[in-house]
Amino acid sequence: MTRFSLPWRLFVIAAVPLLVLAGRTSAAVVFGATEDNNVFRGQATTVQPNGTNFSLKEASSDQTNSRIGYLKFDLSTLTDDDGDEGVLTVATAGATTTTNFVVAVFGLVADAPLSDWTETGITWNSRPAAANSSASTNYLDPTYATALHQLTIPSGTAANTPFSFAVPNVKNFRQTDGSVTLMLVVTDQGNGTPSLAIHSSETTTADAAPTLSVSVPEPGALGAVGLAAVLLGRRRRR
């Protein structure tokens, strides 16, 4: 003999979809970069021009001209429950690419030194997560830089082409001021001569500036969870 009455069965049938929906529903909040520039190994103490784009170049021991991009986003408006998944989107600038570029994104870990860098003050020597040797670290100290995602920007890519990188667990990279620093590194390129230009936050090209999209729970989803919990509690008390 069943222990549940018909209304209880109906409640279970109705509540389960609510809980499933609540667990899956989220919204994306898009942030623009507040600081961005590249650092240049060949000019280790010089701040690079803060123009409408910045340059990337293979960060290896045989590349005196190595260039690494730094981007900062202000996520201070998010709560501790927000920021499970993120997507960094950047767009190529300048001319059509003439070689393949393998580009990797790294996250600056929380509480890392020099996280208060600015685009008008950062240099190769003063950047966060700096490493003196390129061996297996692409000039980034793995103690402070976490590899997140990499992709290939192929030869023949036209200017203004967007590319997106997965940034999992965004909240793990938030500094005490709420900022998140991401680093773009060319780990390999087919021809060592050219650089890869990326639109900066100062660009005048529509929809080309760097953005970080962060997933956050929707209020409606949290409300559904709360409603289900209340109804379950009432049924148990009865």
C-alpha atoms as a PDB file:
ATOM      1  CA  MET A   1       0.000   0.000   0.000  1.00  0.00           C
ATOM      2  CA  THR A   2       1.332   3.443  -0.929  1.00  0.00           C
ATOM      3  CA  ARG A   3       2.159   5.916   1.831  1.00  0.00           C
ATOM      4  CA  PHE A   4       1.553   9.031  -0.264  1.00  0.00           C
ATOM      5  CA  SER A   5      -1.743  10.694  -1.012  1.00  0.00           C
ATOM      6  CA  LEU A   6      -2.612  11.971  -4.483  1.00  0.00           C
ATOM      7  CA  PRO A   7      -1.804  15.638  -3.648  1.00  0.00           C
ATOM      8  CA  TRP A   8       1.694  14.608  -2.496  1.00  0.00           C
ATOM      9  CA  ARG A   9       2.319  12.822  -5.787  1.00  0.00           C
ATOM     10  CA  LEU A  10       1.208  15.857  -7.692  1.00  0.00           C
ATOM     11  CA  PHE A  11       3.509  18.042  -5.618  1.00  0.00           C
ATOM     12  CA  VAL A  12       6.510  15.822  -6.410  1.00  0.00           C
ATOM     13  CA  ILE A  13       5.708  15.903 -10.120  1.00  0.00           C
ATOM     14  CA  ALA A  14       5.450  19.698 -10.040  1.00  0.00           C
ATOM     15  CA  ALA A  15       8.443  20.356  -7.795  1.00  0.00           C
ATOM     16  CA  VAL A  16      11.058  18.290  -9.639  1.00  0.00           C
ATOM     17  CA  PRO A  17      10.925  20.358 -12.868  1.00  0.00           C
ATOM     18  CA  LEU A  18      11.209  23.499 -10.765  1.00  0.00           C
ATOM     19  CA  LEU A  19      14.359  22.238  -9.099  1.00  0.00           C
ATOM     20  CA  VAL A  20      15.879  21.108 -12.398  1.00  0.00           C
ATOM     21  CA  LEU A  21      15.108  24.451 -14.007  1.00  0.00           C
ATOM     22  CA  ALA A  22      16.472  26.310 -11.011  1.00  0.00           C
ATOM     23  CA  GLY A  23      19.737  24.406 -11.169  1.00  0.00           C
ATOM     24  CA  ARG A  24      20.263  25.249 -14.834  1.00  0.00           C
ATOM     25  CA  THR A  25      19.104  28.839 -15.148  1.00  0.00           C
ATOM     26  CA  SER A  26      21.743  31.561 -15.236  1.00  0.00           C
ATOM     27  CA  ALA A  27      22.386  34.885 -16.913  1.00  0.00           C
ATOM     28  CA  ALA A  28      25.526  36.445 -18.351  1.00  0.00           C
ATOM     29  CA  VAL A  29      26.931  39.781 -17.195  1.00  0.00           C
ATOM     30  CA  VAL A  30      29.394  41.370 -19.613  1.00  0.00           C
ATOM     31  CA  PHE A  31      32.326  43.471 -18.371  1.00  0.00           C
ATOM     32  CA  GLY A  32      34.657  45.636 -20.434  1.00  0.00           C
ATOM     33  CA  ALA A  33      38.368  45.824 -19.673  1.00  0.00           C
ATOM     34  CA  THR A  34      39.357  48.653 -17.328  1.00  0.00           C
ATOM     35  CA  GLU A  35      43.085  48.231 -18.004  1.00  0.00           C
ATOM     36  CA  ASP A  36      44.891  46.561 -20.920  1.00  0.00           C
ATOM     37  CA  ASN A  37      48.326  46.722 -22.491  1.00  0.00           C
ATOM     38  CA  ASN A  38      51.170  44.484 -23.547  1.00  0.00           C
ATOM     39  CA  VAL A  39      54.629  44.200 -22.026  1.00  0.00           C
ATOM     40  CA  PHE A  40      57.736  43.891 -24.211  1.00  0.00           C
ATOM     41  CA  ARG A  41      60.738  41.772 -23.284  1.00  0.00           C
ATOM     42  CA  GLY A  42      63.060  43.866 -25.471  1.00  0.00           C
ATOM     43  CA  GLN A  43      62.094  47.024 -23.545  1.00  0.00           C
ATOM     44  CA  ALA A  44      61.851  45.546 -20.071  1.00  0.00           C
ATOM     45  CA  THR A  45      61.531  48.834 -18.160  1.00  0.00           C
ATOM     46  CA  THR A  46      59.448  50.766 -20.695  1.00  0.00           C
ATOM     47  CA  VAL A  47      55.654  51.155 -20.644  1.00  0.00           C
ATOM     48  CA  GLN A  48      54.307  50.347 -24.093  1.00  0.00           C
ATOM     49  CA  PRO A  49      52.072  52.851 -25.955  1.00  0.00           C
ATOM     50  CA  ASN A  50      48.505  52.831 -24.655  1.00  0.00           C
ATOM     51  CA  GLY A  51      46.811  52.894 -28.055  1.00  0.00           C
ATOM     52  CA  THR A  52      43.771  51.351 -29.713  1.00  0.00           C
ATOM     53  CA  ASN A  53      45.429  47.936 -29.841  1.00  0.00           C
ATOM     54  CA  PHE A  54      48.190  45.956 -28.174  1.00  0.00           C
ATOM     55  CA  SER A  55      50.567  43.309 -29.531  1.00  0.00           C
ATOM     56  CA  LEU A  56      51.280  39.663 -28.761  1.00  0.00           C
ATOM     57  CA  LYS A  57      54.353  37.735 -29.845  1.00  0.00           C
ATOM     58  CA  GLU A  58      55.689  34.275 -29.048  1.00  0.00           C
ATOM     59  CA  ALA A  59      56.973  34.192 -25.464  1.00  0.00           C
ATOM     60  CA  SER A  60      59.984  31.910 -25.845  1.00  0.00           C
ATOM     61  CA  SER A  61      63.692  32.028 -25.044  1.00  0.00           C
ATOM     62  CA  ASP A  62      64.634  32.770 -28.659  1.00  0.00           C
ATOM     63  CA  GLN A  63      62.197  35.695 -28.937  1.00  0.00           C
ATOM     64  CA  THR A  64      63.789  38.874 -27.620  1.00  0.00           C
ATOM     65  CA  ASN A  65      60.697  40.574 -28.990  1.00  0.00           C
ATOM     66  CA  SER A  66      58.315  38.509 -26.822  1.00  0.00           C
ATOM     67  CA  ARG A  67      55.123  40.398 -25.974  1.00  0.00           C
ATOM     68  CA  ILE A  68      52.491  39.366 -23.414  1.00  0.00           C
ATOM     69  CA  GLY A  69      49.062  40.981 -23.100  1.00  0.00           C
ATOM     70  CA  TYR A  70      47.570  41.948 -19.730  1.00  0.00           C
ATOM     71  CA  LEU A  71      43.863  42.669 -19.248  1.00  0.00           C
ATOM     72  CA  LYS A  72      42.035  43.710 -16.084  1.00  0.00           C
ATOM     73  CA  PHE A  73      38.285  43.596 -15.419  1.00  0.00           C
ATOM     74  CA  ASP A  74      36.429  45.128 -12.464  1.00  0.00           C
ATOM     75  CA  LEU A  75      34.108  42.443 -11.060  1.00  0.00           C
ATOM     76  CA  SER A  76      33.560  44.134  -7.701  1.00  0.00           C
ATOM     77  CA  THR A  77      29.793  44.274  -8.306  1.00  0.00           C
ATOM     78  CA  LEU A  78      29.529  40.484  -8.223  1.00  0.00           C
ATOM     79  CA  THR A  79      28.844  38.527  -5.043  1.00  0.00           C
ATOM     80  CA  ASP A  80      30.734  35.511  -3.698  1.00  0.00           C
ATOM     81  CA  ASP A  81      28.081  33.270  -5.260  1.00  0.00           C
ATOM     82  CA  ASP A  82      28.622  34.684  -8.757  1.00  0.00           C
ATOM     83  CA  GLY A  83      31.267  33.968 -11.335  1.00  0.00           C
ATOM     84  CA  ASP A  84      31.409  30.216 -11.795  1.00  0.00           C
ATOM     85  CA  GLU A  85      32.067  30.394 -15.537  1.00  0.00           C
ATOM     86  CA  GLY A  86      33.378  33.126 -17.785  1.00  0.00           C
ATOM     87  CA  VAL A  87      34.270  33.781 -21.412  1.00  0.00           C
ATOM     88  CA  LEU A  88      36.978  36.197 -22.527  1.00  0.00           C
ATOM     89  CA  THR A  89      36.414  37.602 -26.018  1.00  0.00           C
ATOM     90  CA  VAL A  90      39.016  39.597 -27.940  1.00  0.00           C
ATOM     91  CA  ALA A  91      39.218  40.668 -31.583  1.00  0.00           C
ATOM     92  CA  THR A  92      42.173  40.804 -33.939  1.00  0.00           C
ATOM     93  CA  ALA A  93      43.298  44.208 -35.164  1.00  0.00           C
ATOM     94  CA  GLY A  94      45.522  45.546 -37.938  1.00  0.00           C
ATOM     95  CA  ALA A  95      46.144  43.518 -41.078  1.00  0.00           C
ATOM     96  CA  THR A  96      45.144  39.973 -41.997  1.00  0.00           C
ATOM     97  CA  THR A  97      47.369  37.474 -40.171  1.00  0.00           C
ATOM     98  CA  THR A  98      50.181  35.899 -42.197  1.00  0.00           C
ATOM     99  CA  THR A  99      50.917  32.939 -39.895  1.00  0.00           C
ATOM    100  CA  ASN A 100      49.268  30.730 -37.287  1.00  0.00           C
ATOM    101  CA  PHE A 101      49.284  31.961 -33.688  1.00  0.00           C
ATOM    102  CA  VAL A 102      48.613  29.631 -30.757  1.00  0.00           C
ATOM    103  CA  VAL A 103      47.270  31.895 -28.013  1.00  0.00           C
ATOM    104  CA  ALA A 104      46.757  30.869 -24.377  1.00  0.00           C
ATOM    105  CA  VAL A 105      44.922  32.723 -21.620  1.00  0.00           C
ATOM    106  CA  PHE A 106      46.133  32.607 -18.012  1.00  0.00           C
ATOM    107  CA  GLY A 107      44.425  33.839 -14.848  1.00  0.00           C
ATOM    108  CA  LEU A 108      46.246  35.728 -12.108  1.00  0.00           C
ATOM    109  CA  VAL A 109      45.520  33.859  -8.871  1.00  0.00           C
ATOM    110  CA  ALA A 110      43.846  35.635  -5.952  1.00  0.00           C
ATOM    111  CA  ASP A 111      46.100  37.643  -3.626  1.00  0.00           C
ATOM    112  CA  ALA A 112      48.948  37.682  -6.158  1.00  0.00           C
ATOM    113  CA  PRO A 113      51.547  40.463  -5.796  1.00  0.00           C
ATOM    114  CA  LEU A 114      51.317  43.463  -8.139  1.00  0.00           C
ATOM    115  CA  SER A 115      47.647  42.855  -8.946  1.00  0.00           C
ATOM    116  CA  ASP A 116      47.111  46.635  -8.734  1.00  0.00           C
ATOM    117  CA  TRP A 117      48.951  47.191 -12.041  1.00  0.00           C
ATOM    118  CA  THR A 118      47.753  49.866 -14.492  1.00  0.00           C
ATOM    119  CA  GLU A 119      48.006  50.100 -18.254  1.00  0.00           C
ATOM    120  CA  THR A 120      50.039  53.299 -17.941  1.00  0.00           C
ATOM    121  CA  GLY A 121      52.532  51.782 -15.502  1.00  0.00           C
ATOM    122  CA  ILE A 122      53.017  48.113 -16.342  1.00  0.00           C
ATOM    123  CA  THR A 123      56.345  46.973 -17.830  1.00  0.00           C
ATOM    124  CA  TRP A 124      57.996  43.625 -18.491  1.00  0.00           C
ATOM    125  CA  ASN A 125      59.877  43.916 -15.201  1.00  0.00           C
ATOM    126  CA  SER A 126      57.000  45.287 -13.086  1.00  0.00           C
ATOM    127  CA  ARG A 127      54.195  42.973 -14.239  1.00  0.00           C
ATOM    128  CA  PRO A 128      52.457  40.428 -11.993  1.00  0.00           C
ATOM    129  CA  ALA A 129      53.311  36.714 -12.291  1.00  0.00           C
ATOM    130  CA  ALA A 130      56.649  37.517 -13.945  1.00  0.00           C
ATOM    131  CA  ALA A 131      59.168  34.704 -14.482  1.00  0.00           C
ATOM    132  CA  ASN A 132      62.787  35.220 -15.514  1.00  0.00           C
ATOM    133  CA  SER A 133      62.934  32.104 -17.678  1.00  0.00           C
ATOM    134  CA  SER A 134      60.560  31.131 -20.486  1.00  0.00           C
ATOM    135  CA  ALA A 135      61.176  27.404 -19.984  1.00  0.00           C
ATOM    136  CA  SER A 136      57.738  25.702 -19.951  1.00  0.00           C
ATOM    137  CA  THR A 137      56.139  28.760 -18.333  1.00  0.00           C
ATOM    138  CA  ASN A 138      56.093  31.273 -21.214  1.00  0.00           C
ATOM    139  CA  TYR A 139      57.664  33.851 -18.906  1.00  0.00           C
ATOM    140  CA  LEU A 140      54.842  33.428 -16.370  1.00  0.00           C
ATOM    141  CA  ASP A 141      55.364  32.111 -12.846  1.00  0.00           C
ATOM    142  CA  PRO A 142      53.003  29.111 -12.409  1.00  0.00           C
ATOM    143  CA  THR A 143      52.735  29.968  -8.718  1.00  0.00           C
ATOM    144  CA  TYR A 144      50.673  33.009  -9.679  1.00  0.00           C
ATOM    145  CA  ALA A 145      49.462  32.242 -13.225  1.00  0.00           C
ATOM    146  CA  THR A 146      46.944  29.466 -13.958  1.00  0.00           C
ATOM    147  CA  ALA A 147      46.561  28.179 -17.522  1.00  0.00           C
ATOM    148  CA  LEU A 148      42.894  28.290 -18.572  1.00  0.00           C
ATOM    149  CA  HIS A 149      42.385  27.814 -22.311  1.00  0.00           C
ATOM    150  CA  GLN A 150      44.220  28.075 -25.612  1.00  0.00           C
ATOM    151  CA  LEU A 151      43.256  28.196 -29.263  1.00  0.00           C
ATOM    152  CA  THR A 152      44.789  28.785 -32.678  1.00  0.00           C
ATOM    153  CA  ILE A 153      44.268  31.985 -34.640  1.00  0.00           C
ATOM    154  CA  PRO A 154      44.987  30.739 -38.157  1.00  0.00           C
ATOM    155  CA  SER A 155      46.905  32.439 -40.929  1.00  0.00           C
ATOM    156  CA  GLY A 156      44.565  34.476 -43.126  1.00  0.00           C
ATOM    157  CA  THR A 157      42.404  35.712 -40.244  1.00  0.00           C
ATOM    158  CA  ALA A 158      40.970  39.116 -41.143  1.00  0.00           C
ATOM    159  CA  ALA A 159      41.101  42.106 -38.821  1.00  0.00           C
ATOM    160  CA  ASN A 160      38.191  42.518 -36.391  1.00  0.00           C
ATOM    161  CA  THR A 161      37.670  38.748 -36.080  1.00  0.00           C
ATOM    162  CA  PRO A 162      36.547  37.808 -32.534  1.00  0.00           C
ATOM    163  CA  PHE A 163      37.947  34.857 -30.593  1.00  0.00           C
ATOM    164  CA  SER A 164      36.674  33.544 -27.268  1.00  0.00           C
ATOM    165  CA  PHE A 165      38.508  31.782 -24.442  1.00  0.00           C
ATOM    166  CA  ALA A 166      36.884  29.792 -21.637  1.00  0.00           C
ATOM    167  CA  VAL A 167      37.623  31.165 -18.154  1.00  0.00           C
ATOM    168  CA  PRO A 168      36.301  28.589 -15.659  1.00  0.00           C
ATOM    169  CA  ASN A 169      35.829  29.456 -11.983  1.00  0.00           C
ATOM    170  CA  VAL A 170      36.216  33.198 -12.490  1.00  0.00           C
ATOM    171  CA  LYS A 171      35.694  33.923  -8.794  1.00  0.00           C
ATOM    172  CA  ASN A 172      38.910  32.066  -7.956  1.00  0.00           C
ATOM    173  CA  PHE A 173      40.855  34.852  -9.669  1.00  0.00           C
ATOM    174  CA  ARG A 174      39.189  37.835  -7.994  1.00  0.00           C
ATOM    175  CA  GLN A 175      41.569  40.052  -6.053  1.00  0.00           C
ATOM    176  CA  THR A 176      40.628  41.836  -2.833  1.00  0.00           C
ATOM    177  CA  ASP A 177      39.499  44.878  -4.843  1.00  0.00           C
ATOM    178  CA  GLY A 178      37.224  42.695  -6.999  1.00  0.00           C
ATOM    179  CA  SER A 179      39.408  42.884 -10.097  1.00  0.00           C
ATOM    180  CA  VAL A 180      40.397  39.958 -12.302  1.00  0.00           C
ATOM    181  CA  THR A 181      43.605  39.950 -14.355  1.00  0.00           C
ATOM    182  CA  LEU A 182      43.929  37.744 -17.436  1.00  0.00           C
ATOM    183  CA  MET A 183      47.108  37.302 -19.456  1.00  0.00           C
ATOM    184  CA  LEU A 184      47.320  36.485 -23.179  1.00  0.00           C
ATOM    185  CA  VAL A 185      50.427  34.606 -24.315  1.00  0.00           C
ATOM    186  CA  VAL A 186      51.431  33.396 -27.776  1.00  0.00           C
ATOM    187  CA  THR A 187      52.879  29.976 -27.010  1.00  0.00           C
ATOM    188  CA  ASP A 188      53.733  29.183 -30.635  1.00  0.00           C
ATOM    189  CA  GLN A 189      53.601  30.824 -34.035  1.00  0.00           C
ATOM    190  CA  GLY A 190      54.355  29.489 -37.489  1.00  0.00           C
ATOM    191  CA  ASN A 191      56.567  32.393 -38.458  1.00  0.00           C
ATOM    192  CA  GLY A 192      58.600  34.178 -35.801  1.00  0.00           C
ATOM    193  CA  THR A 193      58.560  37.575 -37.518  1.00  0.00           C
ATOM    194  CA  PRO A 194      55.027  39.035 -37.218  1.00  0.00           C
ATOM    195  CA  SER A 195      53.171  40.157 -34.095  1.00  0.00           C
ATOM    196  CA  LEU A 196      49.488  39.599 -33.420  1.00  0.00           C
ATOM    197  CA  ALA A 197      47.508  42.801 -32.865  1.00  0.00           C
ATOM    198  CA  ILE A 198      44.499  42.760 -30.514  1.00  0.00           C
ATOM    199  CA  HIS A 199      41.948  45.561 -30.103  1.00  0.00           C
ATOM    200  CA  SER A 200      42.234  47.299 -26.731  1.00  0.00           C
ATOM    201  CA  SER A 201      39.567  48.982 -24.625  1.00  0.00           C
ATOM    202  CA  GLU A 202      40.500  52.265 -26.331  1.00  0.00           C
ATOM    203  CA  THR A 203      39.493  50.978 -29.771  1.00  0.00           C
ATOM    204  CA  THR A 204      37.026  52.944 -31.875  1.00  0.00           C
ATOM    205  CA  THR A 205      35.923  49.826 -33.779  1.00  0.00           C
ATOM    206  CA  ALA A 206      32.432  48.759 -32.777  1.00  0.00           C
ATOM    207  CA  ASP A 207      32.140  45.556 -30.731  1.00  0.00           C
ATOM    208  CA  ALA A 208      35.912  44.918 -30.893  1.00  0.00           C
ATOM    209  CA  ALA A 209      36.996  45.846 -27.350  1.00  0.00           C
ATOM    210  CA  PRO A 210      37.906  42.996 -24.959  1.00  0.00           C
ATOM    211  CA  THR A 211      35.041  41.692 -22.822  1.00  0.00           C
ATOM    212  CA  LEU A 212      34.643  39.174 -20.027  1.00  0.00           C
ATOM    213  CA  SER A 213      31.213  37.537 -19.849  1.00  0.00           C
ATOM    214  CA  VAL A 214      30.454  36.009 -16.441  1.00  0.00           C
ATOM    215  CA  SER A 215      27.583  33.662 -15.612  1.00  0.00           C
ATOM    216  CA  VAL A 216      25.503  34.525 -12.550  1.00  0.00           C
ATOM    217  CA  PRO A 217      22.389  32.835 -11.108  1.00  0.00           C
ATOM    218  CA  GLU A 218      19.135  34.442 -12.163  1.00  0.00           C
ATOM    219  CA  PRO A 219      16.907  35.711  -9.295  1.00  0.00           C
ATOM    220  CA  GLY A 220      14.004  33.676 -10.655  1.00  0.00           C
ATOM    221  CA  ALA A 221      16.021  30.488 -10.344  1.00  0.00           C
ATOM    222  CA  LEU A 222      16.899  31.177  -6.735  1.00  0.00           C
ATOM    223  CA  GLY A 223      13.249  31.953  -6.056  1.00  0.00           C
ATOM    224  CA  ALA A 224      12.187  28.589  -7.457  1.00  0.00           C
ATOM    225  CA  VAL A 225      14.649  26.817  -5.184  1.00  0.00           C
ATOM    226  CA  GLY A 226      13.291  28.727  -2.199  1.00  0.00           C
ATOM    227  CA  LEU A 227       9.696  27.973  -3.102  1.00  0.00           C
ATOM    228  CA  ALA A 228      10.375  24.266  -3.449  1.00  0.00           C
ATOM    229  CA  ALA A 229      12.204  24.219  -0.109  1.00  0.00           C
ATOM    230  CA  VAL A 230       9.298  25.944   1.656  1.00  0.00           C
ATOM    231  CA  LEU A 231       6.728  23.560   0.199  1.00  0.00           C
ATOM    232  CA  LEU A 232       8.829  20.553   1.126  1.00  0.00           C
ATOM    233  CA  GLY A 233       9.141  21.854   4.681  1.00  0.00           C
ATOM    234  CA  ARG A 234       5.401  22.378   4.993  1.00  0.00           C
ATOM    235  CA  ARG A 235       4.655  18.889   3.741  1.00  0.00           C
ATOM    236  CA  ARG A 236       7.103  17.312   6.188  1.00  0.00           C
ATOM    237  CA  ARG A 237       5.601  19.201   9.159  1.00  0.00           C
ATOM    238  CA  ARG A 238       2.170  17.881   8.214  1.00  0.00           C
END
